Structures are given as structure tokens and as C-alpha cells.
Amino acid sequence: MELLDRYLYAVRAYLPPAQQVDIIRELRENILSQVEDKEAELGRSLNQEEQEALIKPYGHPALLGLRYAPNRYLIGPLVFPAYWHTLKITLGIVAIVCILLPEIALLTGMRGAIANPVGSFFQIAALTFAWMTLTFAGLDYCVHKFGLLENWGKKWEPRSLPPIPKGVAAAPRSRRLAALISTVAVGAWWLLALKYPFLMMGPTWGMIRLSAVWEWFYIPFILLVLVSIAQRFAELAWPGKKAFALAMELIRAGGGAVIYFLLVRAGDLIEPVRTAAAPGADAFAGIYNTSFLIGMTIAGLVSLGEFARALWLGTRRSGGEEAVAQCHS
């Protein structure tokens, strides 16, 4: 049963890794038993509509798979993978920043600018953990309060199941969902931080500020975030259709490389606030500008590499499709 294989493949992505094999085996046996009983009753094999009628009562793959997930007290199993994925990435970025800033301070001769990098990391990490946990807990509450998952499941039809990927398998659906939520969360934070810089600068806000250069790049950043979200949504909703996601990746990576390299050449991105209440503002501005210079250069090179990779994949895909067309002609 090809439809059953597609259904179980979709369910697998939502199951705990240690239990996937046993649960899938049990589900397959149960559904095949119902199929055999129905076929014996009708005296023939089931058609497509009858197979769908047997599978649909089991529910959307996400709803069925999440029933086997371990209980979470604050954030439920639907939202938790996205929360955990985003938290790890964000804390990793915080750790890298806290490691690099003291080194930059030493290289630039501003040794007193960062007194306690370890303490700074734990302070920022604790604040990040608290806000992110509250945000995702609120998202989980809304999902259950307004029955978003149940409403989504009611509209689901087995025939909408994507085919099982051939060759290189697509990433598990839970991971693709986490990537989409992470992209939305990080993109929203970045756009908010450009409008409310204290979200980015923390306790140094008031001593330094964003320069006017950022105003020229705000709309391009909005477009870049929207394209990134469109790419992640395409990867989640249509894993078998690569063309649109690849086009979005080309736009995102190419546009990102242009923006990052323009920012590198734009001059100082951070300005000191020279007041009596802000001693050391010049030192902090220098550290941030050097950090942005390094960070934007690295981001530009990474985006350039992603653009080249996406261009190569697109060329190879077009070449493969053209060869297939020639074979059929």
C-alpha cells in the first residue's frame, strides 16, 4: 500500500527517535489488519478512496505522532523542537560574541572595556533563556487555547501526503518546522533590534547608538527576512518541489551577500554617545564596530558560498531535466 507507506513516513518525523521502529511497526500491523478485514468483506482489493477512508481516522501525521511524545510541563511537544533548536542557535551566537569581544578588546588596546566576559555570557544567556522560554510558552498556549492544531488536522486529507523522497531524503518534518519557526523568531528579533537597539546592545545601550547608516538598510533587511521565511515555508509545505525553495535561496543568499558587503564598506555602524554619564563610550563603539566589521565580512562570505552552492544545484537540476527531456524525445 503506497498510501500507507507515505502516511507512516510522515508520522515517523514526529516520533521519539528511540521508539520510531516499534511504533511504526505497530501502526503498520494495525492498519494492514483493518485493510485485510475490509478486503475480505468486499471480496476485492481496496481502491484509493477506500484506503483513504481507513487511514483518515488516525488523524494528521503530526497529531498522531505527537501523542507518543514525552510530556512537557511548560512547552508542549509540538512547539518544543522549534524552541530547543532556536535556543541552541541563539545561545551559541551569544557564546561566540562573548568569546570574541574580549579578544577584540585586547587587540585594540581597550583592555578595561570587557571586565568579566564569563559573567557577561551568563547574564545575557539567562536573559535570553527567560525571554525565549516565555515567548515559546506563549506560542504553545495559543496553539492549545485556540485549537490551532485541531483545526489544522480537521482539514487534512490523506491524499495530500507528499511522496516518499527518492535518493537523498528530506529533513524530518519536525526539523523543517523548527527551521521555519527559528527563521521567523530570529528575523523578528533582528528587525525589532534595529528599531529598538537595546534588544541588541543590552546594558551598553545609552553609551552607544546605531548610526544613520542602518536606516538605508532596514527595508532590504525586511525583504531578506520575508524571502528567508518563504524559503523555509516552501521546504516545509512542499518538500518534493525544490525549484521554488532553490529560487528563494538564490535571492536570499545573493541579496544577503550584497547587503553584508555594503555594510562593511559603509563606515562606522555604531556611534558613541558622548555624555558625562557615559564614560568609555568611544571604547565600546570601537569594539562594536570592529565586531560588526568581522561579523558582516564572515556573513557576506558565507552568503556568497551559499549563493554559489544554490546556483550550482540549480544548474545541475536544469541540466538533469534537460537530459531527461532529450531521452524522452
Protein backbone atom coordinates (compact mmCIF):
# COMPACT_ATOMS: atom_id res chain seq x y z
CA MET A 1 0.00 0.00 0.00
CA GLU A 2 1.78 3.06 -1.30
CA LEU A 3 -0.54 5.45 0.57
CA LEU A 4 0.14 3.66 3.86
CA ASP A 5 3.90 3.91 3.29
CA ARG A 6 3.57 7.66 2.69
CA TYR A 7 1.48 8.07 5.85
CA LEU A 8 3.87 6.14 8.08
CA TYR A 9 6.84 8.01 6.60
CA ALA A 10 5.17 11.30 7.55
CA VAL A 11 4.30 10.07 11.06
CA ARG A 12 7.88 8.94 11.71
CA ALA A 13 9.17 12.53 11.70
CA TYR A 14 7.12 13.32 14.84
CA LEU A 15 8.03 10.22 16.86
CA PRO A 16 10.71 9.96 19.57
CA PRO A 17 13.81 8.51 17.82
CA ALA A 18 14.20 5.62 20.26
CA GLN A 19 10.63 4.42 19.66
CA GLN A 20 10.21 5.05 15.94
CA VAL A 21 10.78 1.48 14.75
CA ASP A 22 8.42 -0.14 17.28
CA ILE A 23 5.64 2.42 16.88
CA ILE A 24 5.76 2.34 13.08
CA ARG A 25 5.69 -1.46 13.11
CA GLU A 26 2.66 -1.47 15.41
CA LEU A 27 0.80 1.12 13.35
CA ARG A 28 1.52 -0.76 10.12
CA GLU A 29 0.20 -4.01 11.57
CA ASN A 30 -2.97 -2.35 12.88
CA ILE A 31 -3.78 -0.61 9.60
CA LEU A 32 -2.94 -3.64 7.46
CA SER A 33 -5.19 -5.76 9.68
CA GLN A 34 -8.08 -3.36 9.00
CA VAL A 35 -7.26 -3.44 5.29
CA GLU A 36 -7.37 -7.25 5.23
CA ASP A 37 -10.69 -7.32 7.08
CA LYS A 38 -12.20 -4.77 4.69
CA GLU A 39 -10.88 -6.60 1.61
CA ALA A 40 -12.29 -9.91 2.93
CA GLU A 41 -15.65 -8.22 3.44
CA LEU A 42 -15.71 -6.72 -0.07
CA GLY A 43 -14.02 -9.66 -1.81
CA ARG A 44 -11.59 -7.38 -3.66
CA SER A 45 -8.66 -5.02 -3.16
CA LEU A 46 -9.38 -1.56 -1.78
CA ASN A 47 -9.37 1.38 -4.15
CA GLN A 48 -7.71 4.72 -3.39
CA GLU A 49 -10.78 6.29 -1.76
CA GLU A 50 -11.34 3.27 0.50
CA GLN A 51 -7.69 3.31 1.59
CA GLU A 52 -8.01 7.00 2.46
CA ALA A 53 -11.17 6.27 4.47
CA LEU A 54 -9.26 3.73 6.60
CA ILE A 55 -6.25 5.99 7.21
CA LYS A 56 -8.06 9.29 7.85
CA PRO A 57 -9.45 8.33 11.32
CA TYR A 58 -5.86 8.03 12.56
CA GLY A 59 -5.56 11.77 12.01
CA HIS A 60 -2.92 14.10 10.67
CA PRO A 61 0.60 12.64 10.97
CA ALA A 62 1.60 15.44 13.35
CA LEU A 63 -1.35 14.83 15.68
CA LEU A 64 -0.77 11.08 15.72
CA GLY A 65 2.98 11.30 16.18
CA LEU A 66 2.76 13.88 18.96
CA ARG A 67 0.59 11.55 21.05
CA TYR A 68 3.70 9.44 21.59
CA ALA A 69 5.90 12.41 22.52
CA PRO A 70 7.01 12.79 26.16
CA ASN A 71 5.02 15.20 28.29
CA ARG A 72 6.36 18.74 28.68
CA TYR A 73 5.08 20.84 31.53
CA LEU A 74 5.68 24.33 30.11
CA ILE A 75 6.15 23.88 26.35
CA GLY A 76 4.30 21.10 24.55
CA PRO A 77 5.79 18.55 22.14
CA LEU A 78 4.63 20.43 19.04
CA VAL A 79 6.45 23.66 19.87
CA PHE A 80 9.33 22.21 21.93
CA PRO A 81 11.53 21.06 18.96
CA ALA A 82 11.39 24.57 17.48
CA TYR A 83 12.07 26.11 20.91
CA TRP A 84 15.04 23.84 21.59
CA HIS A 85 16.51 24.35 18.11
CA THR A 86 16.20 28.15 18.33
CA LEU A 87 17.55 28.27 21.88
CA LYS A 88 20.68 26.29 20.98
CA ILE A 89 21.44 28.51 18.00
CA THR A 90 20.86 31.72 19.96
CA LEU A 91 22.96 30.66 22.95
CA GLY A 92 25.70 29.57 20.56
CA ILE A 93 25.73 33.03 19.00
CA VAL A 94 25.83 34.63 22.46
CA ALA A 95 28.78 32.41 23.43
CA ILE A 96 30.71 33.30 20.27
CA VAL A 97 30.13 37.02 20.81
CA CYS A 98 31.24 36.83 24.44
CA ILE A 99 34.38 34.91 23.40
CA LEU A 100 35.30 37.29 20.57
CA LEU A 101 34.67 40.64 22.28
CA PRO A 102 37.44 40.30 24.90
CA GLU A 103 39.91 39.26 22.18
CA ILE A 104 38.93 42.26 20.09
CA ALA A 105 39.28 44.48 23.15
CA LEU A 106 42.80 43.19 23.76
CA LEU A 107 43.80 43.61 20.11
CA THR A 108 42.50 47.17 20.03
CA GLY A 109 44.12 48.11 23.34
CA MET A 110 40.83 48.54 25.24
CA ARG A 111 41.50 46.02 28.00
CA GLY A 112 39.16 47.60 30.51
CA ALA A 113 36.17 47.56 28.19
CA ILE A 114 35.18 43.96 28.97
CA ALA A 115 35.81 43.23 32.61
CA ASN A 116 34.17 39.84 33.01
CA PRO A 117 33.26 38.02 29.75
CA VAL A 118 32.16 34.85 31.58
CA GLY A 119 29.82 36.81 33.81
CA SER A 120 28.54 38.71 30.77
CA PHE A 121 27.78 35.44 29.00
CA PHE A 122 25.76 34.02 31.90
CA GLN A 123 23.92 37.30 32.37
CA ILE A 124 22.97 37.58 28.69
CA ALA A 125 22.29 33.82 28.39
CA ALA A 126 19.95 33.90 31.40
CA LEU A 127 18.02 36.84 29.95
CA THR A 128 17.88 35.17 26.52
CA PHE A 129 16.70 31.89 28.03
CA ALA A 130 13.98 33.62 30.04
CA TRP A 131 12.58 35.66 27.17
CA MET A 132 12.74 32.81 24.66
CA THR A 133 11.09 30.37 27.07
CA LEU A 134 8.28 32.82 27.80
CA THR A 135 7.81 33.50 24.08
CA PHE A 136 7.55 29.85 23.09
CA ALA A 137 5.41 29.04 26.14
CA GLY A 138 3.02 31.77 24.97
CA LEU A 139 3.05 30.30 21.47
CA ASP A 140 2.30 26.84 22.87
CA TYR A 141 -0.55 28.28 24.97
CA CYS A 142 -2.09 29.93 21.89
CA VAL A 143 -1.83 26.71 19.89
CA HIS A 144 -3.86 24.83 22.53
CA LYS A 145 -6.11 27.70 23.63
CA PHE A 146 -7.43 28.38 20.13
CA GLY A 147 -7.29 24.79 18.94
CA LEU A 148 -4.97 25.67 16.05
CA LEU A 149 -3.59 22.16 15.72
CA GLU A 150 -7.02 20.50 15.86
CA ASN A 151 -8.45 22.92 13.25
CA TRP A 152 -5.48 22.20 11.04
CA GLY A 153 -5.99 18.45 11.47
CA LYS A 154 -9.71 18.58 10.55
CA LYS A 155 -8.88 19.91 7.10
CA TRP A 156 -6.27 17.25 6.40
CA GLU A 157 -6.81 14.62 3.72
CA PRO A 158 -4.60 11.52 3.24
CA ARG A 159 -4.32 12.24 -0.48
CA SER A 160 -2.34 15.40 0.39
CA LEU A 161 0.53 13.32 1.77
CA PRO A 162 3.76 14.06 -0.13
CA PRO A 163 5.53 11.17 -1.89
CA ILE A 164 8.42 9.46 -0.13
CA PRO A 165 11.58 11.24 -1.33
CA LYS A 166 13.87 9.26 -3.60
CA GLY A 167 17.63 9.43 -3.25
CA VAL A 168 18.53 11.98 -0.56
CA ALA A 169 15.66 12.10 1.92
CA ALA A 170 14.24 15.42 3.00
CA ALA A 171 14.93 16.54 6.55
CA PRO A 172 12.34 15.34 9.09
CA ARG A 173 9.23 17.50 9.14
CA SER A 174 9.80 18.45 12.79
CA ARG A 175 13.23 19.81 11.86
CA ARG A 176 11.80 21.76 8.90
CA LEU A 177 9.08 23.17 11.16
CA ALA A 178 11.75 24.16 13.70
CA ALA A 179 13.75 25.85 10.93
CA LEU A 180 10.69 27.87 9.89
CA ILE A 181 9.87 28.98 13.44
CA SER A 182 13.55 29.78 14.10
CA THR A 183 13.72 31.90 10.95
CA VAL A 184 10.59 33.81 11.95
CA ALA A 185 11.83 34.31 15.53
CA VAL A 186 15.37 35.39 14.62
CA GLY A 187 14.13 37.59 11.75
CA ALA A 188 11.58 39.30 14.00
CA TRP A 189 14.20 39.85 16.71
CA TRP A 190 16.66 41.37 14.23
CA LEU A 191 14.10 43.76 12.75
CA LEU A 192 12.92 44.77 16.23
CA ALA A 193 16.53 45.22 17.39
CA LEU A 194 17.18 47.65 14.54
CA LYS A 195 14.21 49.72 15.74
CA TYR A 196 14.83 49.18 19.47
CA PRO A 197 18.63 48.77 19.75
CA PHE A 198 18.60 47.95 23.48
CA LEU A 199 17.50 44.44 22.43
CA MET A 200 20.86 44.07 20.70
CA MET A 201 23.18 46.11 22.93
CA GLY A 202 21.83 45.32 26.36
CA PRO A 203 23.47 47.28 29.19
CA THR A 204 25.71 49.26 26.81
CA TRP A 205 22.67 50.99 25.31
CA GLY A 206 22.81 54.64 26.31
CA MET A 207 26.58 54.68 25.87
CA ILE A 208 26.40 53.86 22.16
CA ARG A 209 23.77 54.01 19.42
CA LEU A 210 23.19 52.81 15.86
CA SER A 211 24.47 55.16 13.19
CA ALA A 212 22.19 56.59 10.50
CA VAL A 213 23.60 54.02 8.03
CA TRP A 214 21.16 51.38 9.29
CA GLU A 215 18.13 53.39 8.10
CA TRP A 216 19.18 52.77 4.49
CA PHE A 217 19.26 49.02 5.05
CA TYR A 218 16.07 48.47 7.06
CA ILE A 219 13.74 47.79 4.10
CA PRO A 220 16.31 45.49 2.40
CA PHE A 221 16.54 43.55 5.68
CA ILE A 222 12.73 43.25 5.79
CA LEU A 223 12.76 41.82 2.25
CA LEU A 224 15.60 39.45 3.18
CA VAL A 225 13.66 38.14 6.21
CA LEU A 226 10.50 37.64 4.13
CA VAL A 227 12.41 35.71 1.46
CA SER A 228 14.03 33.54 4.16
CA ILE A 229 10.61 32.77 5.64
CA ALA A 230 9.24 31.94 2.17
CA GLN A 231 12.15 29.54 1.60
CA ARG A 232 11.61 27.74 4.92
CA PHE A 233 7.84 27.56 4.35
CA ALA A 234 8.36 26.04 0.90
CA GLU A 235 10.73 23.44 2.36
CA LEU A 236 8.11 22.57 4.98
CA ALA A 237 4.98 22.58 2.82
CA TRP A 238 6.36 21.18 -0.45
CA PRO A 239 9.47 19.10 0.34
CA GLY A 240 9.30 17.36 -3.03
CA LYS A 241 9.22 20.62 -5.00
CA LYS A 242 12.72 22.06 -4.90
CA ALA A 243 12.51 24.77 -7.58
CA PHE A 244 10.76 27.48 -5.52
CA ALA A 245 12.87 26.89 -2.38
CA LEU A 246 16.02 26.97 -4.53
CA ALA A 247 14.94 30.25 -6.14
CA MET A 248 14.30 31.77 -2.70
CA GLU A 249 17.71 30.58 -1.52
CA LEU A 250 19.38 32.23 -4.52
CA ILE A 251 17.60 35.52 -3.78
CA ARG A 252 18.29 35.30 -0.03
CA ALA A 253 21.95 34.35 -0.34
CA GLY A 254 22.69 36.74 -3.19
CA GLY A 255 20.81 39.62 -1.59
CA GLY A 256 22.38 38.89 1.79
CA ALA A 257 25.90 38.92 0.33
CA VAL A 258 25.26 42.32 -1.30
CA ILE A 259 23.81 43.82 1.90
CA TYR A 260 26.59 42.49 4.14
CA PHE A 261 29.40 43.70 1.88
CA LEU A 262 27.74 47.13 1.51
CA LEU A 263 27.57 47.36 5.31
CA VAL A 264 31.28 46.51 5.52
CA ARG A 265 32.02 49.48 3.27
CA ALA A 266 29.51 51.83 4.92
CA GLY A 267 31.82 53.07 7.65
CA ASP A 268 31.03 53.15 11.37
CA LEU A 269 27.79 51.32 12.18
CA ILE A 270 27.89 52.30 15.88
CA GLU A 271 28.34 55.79 17.30
CA PRO A 272 29.35 56.73 20.86
CA VAL A 273 27.05 58.85 23.00
CA ARG A 274 29.47 61.37 24.46
CA THR A 275 27.99 62.48 27.76
CA ALA A 276 29.34 62.69 31.28
CA ALA A 277 27.13 59.74 32.23
CA ALA A 278 28.62 57.52 29.51
CA PRO A 279 32.33 57.06 30.23
CA GLY A 280 34.09 54.64 27.89
CA ALA A 281 31.56 55.19 25.09
CA ASP A 282 34.31 55.53 22.48
CA ALA A 283 35.86 52.24 23.60
CA PHE A 284 32.58 50.35 23.37
CA ALA A 285 31.77 51.92 19.99
CA GLY A 286 35.18 50.81 18.70
CA ILE A 287 34.65 47.24 19.92
CA TYR A 288 31.18 47.02 18.39
CA ASN A 289 32.33 48.48 15.06
CA THR A 290 35.21 46.02 14.86
CA SER A 291 32.85 43.17 15.79
CA PHE A 292 30.33 44.23 13.15
CA LEU A 293 33.11 44.51 10.56
CA ILE A 294 34.28 40.96 11.28
CA GLY A 295 30.74 39.58 11.58
CA MET A 296 29.44 41.21 8.39
CA THR A 297 32.50 40.08 6.44
CA ILE A 298 32.02 36.48 7.60
CA ALA A 299 28.26 36.65 6.91
CA GLY A 300 28.94 38.03 3.44
CA LEU A 301 31.41 35.27 2.61
CA VAL A 302 29.00 32.60 3.94
CA SER A 303 26.13 34.07 1.89
CA LEU A 304 28.36 34.17 -1.19
CA GLY A 305 29.19 30.50 -0.67
CA GLU A 306 25.50 29.64 -0.25
CA PHE A 307 24.68 31.54 -3.43
CA ALA A 308 27.35 29.66 -5.37
CA ARG A 309 26.11 26.33 -4.00
CA ALA A 310 22.46 27.13 -4.84
CA LEU A 311 23.49 28.27 -8.33
CA TRP A 312 25.41 25.03 -8.85
CA LEU A 313 22.44 22.95 -7.66
CA GLY A 314 20.10 24.87 -9.94
CA THR A 315 22.39 24.39 -12.92
CA ARG A 316 22.77 20.69 -12.21
CA ARG A 317 19.00 20.35 -11.79
CA SER A 318 18.30 22.11 -15.08
CA GLY A 319 20.91 20.00 -16.83
CA GLY A 320 19.38 16.81 -15.44
CA GLU A 321 15.85 17.79 -16.50
CA GLU A 322 17.10 18.69 -20.00
CA ALA A 323 18.83 15.32 -20.32
CA VAL A 324 15.63 13.52 -19.29
CA ALA A 325 13.64 15.52 -21.86
CA GLN A 326 16.12 14.54 -24.59
CA CYS A 327 15.85 10.90 -23.66
CA HIS A 328 12.04 11.02 -24.00
CA SER A 329 12.15 12.89 -27.31
